[in-house]
Amino acid sequence: MTLATPSELPRAFAAAWGARDAQGLAALFAEDGDFLSLTGGAAEGRAAIAELFAAEFAGAFARARLVTGRMKLRPLGPHAAVVLQRFVLSGLMHADGTDAGRIGAVLAATLGPTAQGWQLVAAQFVVEG
């Protein structure tokens, strides 16, 4: 999946998250993209990123809901852009199945253009603060 503009990333990310679509989230990344997850998991390459999201949706994020907050877009010329997107996550679970409450998180993403549109080159989804 590609994006017409980097500003489409937050909506596409939230929609795929809400659908628990690990493949859809991974499709936002370039084939050789890099991802660091909220859980500390790291993945290199689209297939590994899909596996990481699938595992997280089966575990800590099985009931997690994502609410989109403020976004900041920093174009870096015609060949790169950085998106900083704030989210609030609720419905998180501890390993024992108990509610972990809600947290603020930031998706810090670097995107690059392809012939088809924009894709994530690297992203970190980290706890805010």
N, C-alpha and C. Protein backbone atom coordinates (compact mmCIF):
# COMPACT_ATOMS: atom_id res chain seq x y z
N MET A 1 0.85 -1.18 0.00
CA MET A 1 0.00 0.00 0.00
C MET A 1 0.89 1.23 0.00
N THR A 2 0.52 2.18 -0.78
CA THR A 2 1.24 3.45 -0.78
C THR A 2 0.26 4.56 -0.44
N LEU A 3 0.80 5.67 -0.07
CA LEU A 3 0.02 6.84 0.31
C LEU A 3 0.24 7.93 -0.74
N ALA A 4 -0.82 8.65 -1.08
CA ALA A 4 -0.67 9.74 -2.04
C ALA A 4 0.20 10.85 -1.47
N THR A 5 0.08 11.09 -0.16
CA THR A 5 0.89 12.10 0.53
C THR A 5 1.24 11.58 1.91
N PRO A 6 2.33 12.05 2.51
CA PRO A 6 2.68 11.63 3.87
C PRO A 6 1.59 11.95 4.90
N SER A 7 0.81 12.99 4.66
CA SER A 7 -0.22 13.37 5.63
C SER A 7 -1.33 12.33 5.75
N GLU A 8 -1.40 11.38 4.82
CA GLU A 8 -2.40 10.31 4.89
C GLU A 8 -2.01 9.20 5.88
N LEU A 9 -0.76 9.20 6.33
CA LEU A 9 -0.28 8.11 7.19
C LEU A 9 -1.11 7.92 8.45
N PRO A 10 -1.39 8.95 9.25
CA PRO A 10 -2.11 8.70 10.50
C PRO A 10 -3.45 7.99 10.30
N ARG A 11 -4.22 8.43 9.33
CA ARG A 11 -5.53 7.82 9.08
C ARG A 11 -5.38 6.37 8.62
N ALA A 12 -4.43 6.11 7.71
CA ALA A 12 -4.22 4.76 7.21
C ALA A 12 -3.72 3.83 8.33
N PHE A 13 -2.82 4.33 9.16
CA PHE A 13 -2.28 3.54 10.27
C PHE A 13 -3.40 3.21 11.25
N ALA A 14 -4.19 4.22 11.63
CA ALA A 14 -5.28 4.01 12.59
C ALA A 14 -6.34 3.06 12.04
N ALA A 15 -6.66 3.16 10.75
CA ALA A 15 -7.67 2.29 10.15
C ALA A 15 -7.20 0.84 10.15
N ALA A 16 -5.95 0.61 9.76
CA ALA A 16 -5.42 -0.75 9.75
C ALA A 16 -5.32 -1.30 11.17
N TRP A 17 -4.92 -0.46 12.12
CA TRP A 17 -4.85 -0.87 13.53
C TRP A 17 -6.23 -1.28 14.02
N GLY A 18 -7.23 -0.44 13.76
CA GLY A 18 -8.59 -0.72 14.21
C GLY A 18 -9.13 -2.02 13.63
N ALA A 19 -8.70 -2.37 12.43
CA ALA A 19 -9.13 -3.61 11.79
C ALA A 19 -8.25 -4.80 12.21
N ARG A 20 -7.24 -4.56 13.04
CA ARG A 20 -6.26 -5.58 13.46
C ARG A 20 -5.62 -6.21 12.23
N ASP A 21 -5.31 -5.37 11.25
CA ASP A 21 -4.80 -5.80 9.96
C ASP A 21 -3.27 -5.69 9.93
N ALA A 22 -2.61 -6.72 10.42
CA ALA A 22 -1.14 -6.73 10.48
C ALA A 22 -0.54 -6.60 9.08
N GLN A 23 -1.12 -7.26 8.11
CA GLN A 23 -0.62 -7.17 6.74
C GLN A 23 -0.81 -5.77 6.18
N GLY A 24 -1.94 -5.15 6.49
CA GLY A 24 -2.20 -3.79 6.03
C GLY A 24 -1.24 -2.78 6.63
N LEU A 25 -0.94 -2.95 7.91
CA LEU A 25 0.05 -2.07 8.55
C LEU A 25 1.42 -2.26 7.92
N ALA A 26 1.80 -3.51 7.72
CA ALA A 26 3.11 -3.79 7.12
C ALA A 26 3.19 -3.26 5.69
N ALA A 27 2.06 -3.24 4.99
CA ALA A 27 2.04 -2.75 3.61
C ALA A 27 2.32 -1.26 3.51
N LEU A 28 2.19 -0.54 4.62
CA LEU A 28 2.53 0.88 4.63
C LEU A 28 4.04 1.10 4.55
N PHE A 29 4.80 0.05 4.84
CA PHE A 29 6.26 0.12 4.87
C PHE A 29 6.87 -0.28 3.53
N ALA A 30 8.02 0.28 3.24
CA ALA A 30 8.82 -0.18 2.11
C ALA A 30 9.22 -1.63 2.38
N GLU A 31 9.51 -2.36 1.33
CA GLU A 31 9.87 -3.77 1.47
C GLU A 31 11.00 -3.97 2.47
N ASP A 32 11.93 -3.04 2.54
CA ASP A 32 13.07 -3.16 3.46
C ASP A 32 12.95 -2.21 4.66
N GLY A 33 11.72 -1.83 5.00
CA GLY A 33 11.48 -0.88 6.09
C GLY A 33 11.89 -1.43 7.46
N ASP A 34 12.03 -0.51 8.40
CA ASP A 34 12.40 -0.85 9.78
C ASP A 34 11.32 -0.34 10.72
N PHE A 35 11.03 -1.13 11.79
CA PHE A 35 10.00 -0.74 12.73
C PHE A 35 10.40 -1.11 14.15
N LEU A 36 10.19 -0.17 15.08
CA LEU A 36 10.37 -0.41 16.50
C LEU A 36 9.01 -0.21 17.15
N SER A 37 8.51 -1.23 17.84
CA SER A 37 7.17 -1.23 18.39
C SER A 37 7.11 -0.72 19.83
N LEU A 38 5.90 -0.40 20.24
CA LEU A 38 5.67 0.01 21.63
C LEU A 38 6.14 -1.03 22.64
N THR A 39 6.09 -2.29 22.27
CA THR A 39 6.50 -3.36 23.17
C THR A 39 8.02 -3.53 23.22
N GLY A 40 8.72 -2.79 22.37
CA GLY A 40 10.17 -2.93 22.29
C GLY A 40 10.61 -3.90 21.20
N GLY A 41 9.64 -4.52 20.55
CA GLY A 41 9.95 -5.42 19.45
C GLY A 41 10.48 -4.64 18.26
N ALA A 42 11.44 -5.21 17.57
CA ALA A 42 12.01 -4.58 16.38
C ALA A 42 11.89 -5.54 15.21
N ALA A 43 11.60 -4.96 14.04
CA ALA A 43 11.48 -5.80 12.85
C ALA A 43 12.11 -5.08 11.67
N GLU A 44 12.75 -5.86 10.83
CA GLU A 44 13.37 -5.35 9.61
C GLU A 44 12.74 -6.09 8.43
N GLY A 45 12.14 -5.33 7.52
CA GLY A 45 11.50 -5.92 6.35
C GLY A 45 10.00 -6.09 6.56
N ARG A 46 9.27 -5.95 5.48
CA ARG A 46 7.80 -5.96 5.54
C ARG A 46 7.25 -7.25 6.15
N ALA A 47 7.81 -8.40 5.78
CA ALA A 47 7.30 -9.68 6.31
C ALA A 47 7.48 -9.75 7.82
N ALA A 48 8.63 -9.35 8.31
CA ALA A 48 8.89 -9.37 9.75
C ALA A 48 8.02 -8.36 10.48
N ILE A 49 7.76 -7.22 9.86
CA ILE A 49 6.89 -6.21 10.46
C ILE A 49 5.48 -6.76 10.60
N ALA A 50 4.98 -7.45 9.57
CA ALA A 50 3.65 -8.07 9.64
C ALA A 50 3.60 -9.10 10.77
N GLU A 51 4.64 -9.90 10.91
CA GLU A 51 4.69 -10.90 11.99
C GLU A 51 4.66 -10.24 13.36
N LEU A 52 5.40 -9.15 13.51
CA LEU A 52 5.43 -8.44 14.78
C LEU A 52 4.05 -7.89 15.13
N PHE A 53 3.41 -7.22 14.19
CA PHE A 53 2.06 -6.69 14.45
C PHE A 53 1.09 -7.83 14.77
N ALA A 54 1.15 -8.93 14.02
CA ALA A 54 0.24 -10.05 14.27
C ALA A 54 0.41 -10.60 15.68
N ALA A 55 1.66 -10.74 16.13
CA ALA A 55 1.92 -11.23 17.48
C ALA A 55 1.39 -10.26 18.53
N GLU A 56 1.56 -8.98 18.29
CA GLU A 56 1.08 -7.99 19.25
C GLU A 56 -0.44 -7.94 19.30
N PHE A 57 -1.11 -8.11 18.16
CA PHE A 57 -2.57 -8.14 18.14
C PHE A 57 -3.11 -9.40 18.81
N ALA A 58 -2.31 -10.44 18.88
CA ALA A 58 -2.71 -11.67 19.57
C ALA A 58 -2.41 -11.59 21.06
N GLY A 59 -1.63 -10.59 21.47
CA GLY A 59 -1.23 -10.46 22.87
C GLY A 59 -1.65 -9.14 23.48
N ALA A 60 -0.68 -8.30 23.77
CA ALA A 60 -0.91 -7.05 24.51
C ALA A 60 -1.91 -6.11 23.84
N PHE A 61 -2.01 -6.16 22.52
CA PHE A 61 -2.89 -5.23 21.81
C PHE A 61 -4.17 -5.87 21.32
N ALA A 62 -4.52 -7.03 21.87
CA ALA A 62 -5.72 -7.75 21.40
C ALA A 62 -6.99 -6.91 21.53
N ARG A 63 -7.07 -6.10 22.56
CA ARG A 63 -8.27 -5.26 22.77
C ARG A 63 -7.95 -3.77 22.66
N ALA A 64 -6.74 -3.45 22.28
CA ALA A 64 -6.30 -2.06 22.28
C ALA A 64 -7.05 -1.23 21.23
N ARG A 65 -7.40 -0.03 21.64
CA ARG A 65 -8.03 0.94 20.76
C ARG A 65 -7.08 2.12 20.60
N LEU A 66 -7.09 2.68 19.43
CA LEU A 66 -6.18 3.77 19.07
C LEU A 66 -7.02 5.00 18.75
N VAL A 67 -6.73 6.11 19.41
CA VAL A 67 -7.39 7.38 19.12
C VAL A 67 -6.34 8.35 18.62
N THR A 68 -6.62 8.93 17.47
CA THR A 68 -5.67 9.84 16.82
C THR A 68 -5.66 11.20 17.49
N GLY A 69 -4.48 11.69 17.75
CA GLY A 69 -4.28 13.03 18.31
C GLY A 69 -3.63 13.94 17.30
N ARG A 70 -2.81 14.82 17.81
CA ARG A 70 -2.16 15.84 16.97
C ARG A 70 -1.08 15.24 16.07
N MET A 71 -0.97 15.77 14.86
CA MET A 71 0.03 15.33 13.90
C MET A 71 0.89 16.51 13.48
N LYS A 72 2.15 16.22 13.27
CA LYS A 72 3.07 17.23 12.74
C LYS A 72 3.80 16.61 11.55
N LEU A 73 3.77 17.31 10.43
CA LEU A 73 4.42 16.85 9.22
C LEU A 73 5.60 17.76 8.93
N ARG A 74 6.77 17.14 8.70
CA ARG A 74 7.97 17.88 8.35
C ARG A 74 8.49 17.39 7.01
N PRO A 75 8.15 18.08 5.92
CA PRO A 75 8.73 17.71 4.63
C PRO A 75 10.24 17.98 4.65
N LEU A 76 10.99 17.06 4.09
CA LEU A 76 12.44 17.21 4.01
C LEU A 76 12.85 17.25 2.55
N GLY A 77 12.23 18.14 1.81
CA GLY A 77 12.46 18.21 0.38
C GLY A 77 11.55 17.23 -0.34
N PRO A 78 11.82 16.99 -1.61
CA PRO A 78 10.93 16.14 -2.39
C PRO A 78 11.11 14.64 -2.16
N HIS A 79 12.15 14.25 -1.41
CA HIS A 79 12.48 12.84 -1.31
C HIS A 79 12.32 12.24 0.08
N ALA A 80 11.81 13.01 1.02
CA ALA A 80 11.62 12.46 2.37
C ALA A 80 10.69 13.35 3.17
N ALA A 81 10.04 12.75 4.15
CA ALA A 81 9.19 13.49 5.07
C ALA A 81 9.17 12.76 6.40
N VAL A 82 9.00 13.50 7.47
CA VAL A 82 8.86 12.94 8.80
C VAL A 82 7.47 13.28 9.30
N VAL A 83 6.78 12.27 9.82
CA VAL A 83 5.47 12.47 10.44
C VAL A 83 5.60 12.11 11.91
N LEU A 84 5.17 13.01 12.76
CA LEU A 84 5.06 12.75 14.20
C LEU A 84 3.58 12.74 14.54
N GLN A 85 3.05 11.58 14.89
CA GLN A 85 1.62 11.44 15.16
C GLN A 85 1.41 10.97 16.58
N ARG A 86 0.62 11.74 17.32
CA ARG A 86 0.28 11.34 18.69
C ARG A 86 -0.99 10.48 18.65
N PHE A 87 -0.99 9.46 19.50
CA PHE A 87 -2.14 8.58 19.68
C PHE A 87 -2.36 8.38 21.16
N VAL A 88 -3.58 8.01 21.53
CA VAL A 88 -3.87 7.50 22.86
C VAL A 88 -4.33 6.06 22.67
N LEU A 89 -3.71 5.16 23.41
CA LEU A 89 -4.10 3.74 23.36
C LEU A 89 -4.79 3.37 24.65
N SER A 90 -5.89 2.68 24.53
CA SER A 90 -6.58 2.14 25.70
C SER A 90 -6.88 0.67 25.42
N GLY A 91 -7.27 -0.06 26.45
CA GLY A 91 -7.55 -1.47 26.29
C GLY A 91 -6.31 -2.34 26.24
N LEU A 92 -5.16 -1.80 26.65
CA LEU A 92 -3.92 -2.58 26.67
C LEU A 92 -4.00 -3.64 27.77
N MET A 93 -3.31 -4.76 27.55
CA MET A 93 -3.33 -5.85 28.53
C MET A 93 -1.92 -6.21 28.97
N HIS A 94 -1.79 -6.48 30.27
CA HIS A 94 -0.56 -7.06 30.79
C HIS A 94 -0.50 -8.53 30.36
N ALA A 95 0.66 -9.16 30.53
CA ALA A 95 0.83 -10.57 30.16
C ALA A 95 -0.15 -11.48 30.89
N ASP A 96 -0.55 -11.09 32.12
CA ASP A 96 -1.49 -11.93 32.88
C ASP A 96 -2.96 -11.66 32.51
N GLY A 97 -3.19 -10.79 31.51
CA GLY A 97 -4.54 -10.52 31.04
C GLY A 97 -5.24 -9.37 31.73
N THR A 98 -4.59 -8.74 32.69
CA THR A 98 -5.21 -7.61 33.38
C THR A 98 -5.05 -6.34 32.56
N ASP A 99 -5.94 -5.40 32.82
CA ASP A 99 -5.95 -4.13 32.09
C ASP A 99 -4.71 -3.32 32.44
N ALA A 100 -4.03 -2.82 31.43
CA ALA A 100 -2.82 -2.02 31.63
C ALA A 100 -3.12 -0.52 31.54
N GLY A 101 -4.39 -0.16 31.41
CA GLY A 101 -4.76 1.25 31.38
C GLY A 101 -4.56 1.85 30.00
N ARG A 102 -4.42 3.17 30.00
CA ARG A 102 -4.21 3.85 28.72
C ARG A 102 -2.91 4.63 28.76
N ILE A 103 -2.36 4.81 27.57
CA ILE A 103 -1.08 5.51 27.46
C ILE A 103 -1.12 6.45 26.26
N GLY A 104 -0.27 7.45 26.32
CA GLY A 104 -0.02 8.29 25.17
C GLY A 104 1.16 7.70 24.41
N ALA A 105 1.08 7.74 23.11
CA ALA A 105 2.16 7.19 22.28
C ALA A 105 2.38 8.09 21.07
N VAL A 106 3.58 8.01 20.52
CA VAL A 106 3.93 8.78 19.34
C VAL A 106 4.46 7.83 18.28
N LEU A 107 3.92 7.97 17.08
CA LEU A 107 4.47 7.29 15.92
C LEU A 107 5.38 8.30 15.23
N ALA A 108 6.67 8.03 15.25
CA ALA A 108 7.67 8.88 14.57
C ALA A 108 8.09 8.14 13.32
N ALA A 109 7.69 8.66 12.16
CA ALA A 109 7.86 7.92 10.92
C ALA A 109 8.60 8.74 9.87
N THR A 110 9.52 8.08 9.20
CA THR A 110 10.20 8.67 8.06
C THR A 110 9.66 7.99 6.81
N LEU A 111 9.20 8.81 5.87
CA LEU A 111 8.62 8.30 4.64
C LEU A 111 9.43 8.73 3.43
N GLY A 112 9.39 7.91 2.42
CA GLY A 112 10.05 8.23 1.15
C GLY A 112 9.11 7.95 0.00
N PRO A 113 9.28 8.67 -1.09
CA PRO A 113 8.41 8.45 -2.25
C PRO A 113 8.87 7.27 -3.10
N THR A 114 7.91 6.61 -3.71
CA THR A 114 8.17 5.57 -4.70
C THR A 114 7.41 5.98 -5.96
N ALA A 115 7.52 5.20 -7.01
CA ALA A 115 6.78 5.49 -8.23
C ALA A 115 5.27 5.42 -7.99
N GLN A 116 4.84 4.61 -7.00
CA GLN A 116 3.42 4.43 -6.72
C GLN A 116 2.90 5.40 -5.66
N GLY A 117 3.75 5.99 -4.85
CA GLY A 117 3.34 6.88 -3.76
C GLY A 117 4.34 6.81 -2.62
N TRP A 118 3.92 7.28 -1.46
CA TRP A 118 4.80 7.34 -0.28
C TRP A 118 4.68 6.07 0.55
N GLN A 119 5.82 5.64 1.11
CA GLN A 119 5.86 4.49 2.01
C GLN A 119 6.78 4.80 3.19
N LEU A 120 6.53 4.10 4.29
CA LEU A 120 7.38 4.21 5.47
C LEU A 120 8.72 3.56 5.19
N VAL A 121 9.77 4.28 5.50
CA VAL A 121 11.12 3.73 5.42
C VAL A 121 11.52 3.20 6.80
N ALA A 122 11.17 3.97 7.83
CA ALA A 122 11.46 3.59 9.21
C ALA A 122 10.45 4.26 10.11
N ALA A 123 10.07 3.55 11.19
CA ALA A 123 9.12 4.12 12.15
C ALA A 123 9.38 3.56 13.52
N GLN A 124 9.13 4.42 14.49
CA GLN A 124 9.18 4.03 15.90
C GLN A 124 7.85 4.41 16.51
N PHE A 125 7.22 3.46 17.19
CA PHE A 125 5.96 3.69 17.88
C PHE A 125 6.31 3.59 19.36
N VAL A 126 6.41 4.72 20.04
CA VAL A 126 6.96 4.74 21.39
C VAL A 126 6.01 5.43 22.36
N VAL A 127 6.17 5.12 23.63
CA VAL A 127 5.39 5.74 24.67
C VAL A 127 5.78 7.22 24.77
N GLU A 128 4.77 8.06 24.86
CA GLU A 128 5.02 9.50 24.95
C GLU A 128 5.47 9.88 26.36
N GLY A 129 6.45 10.75 26.39
CA GLY A 129 6.87 11.27 27.69
C GLY A 129 8.08 10.69 28.25
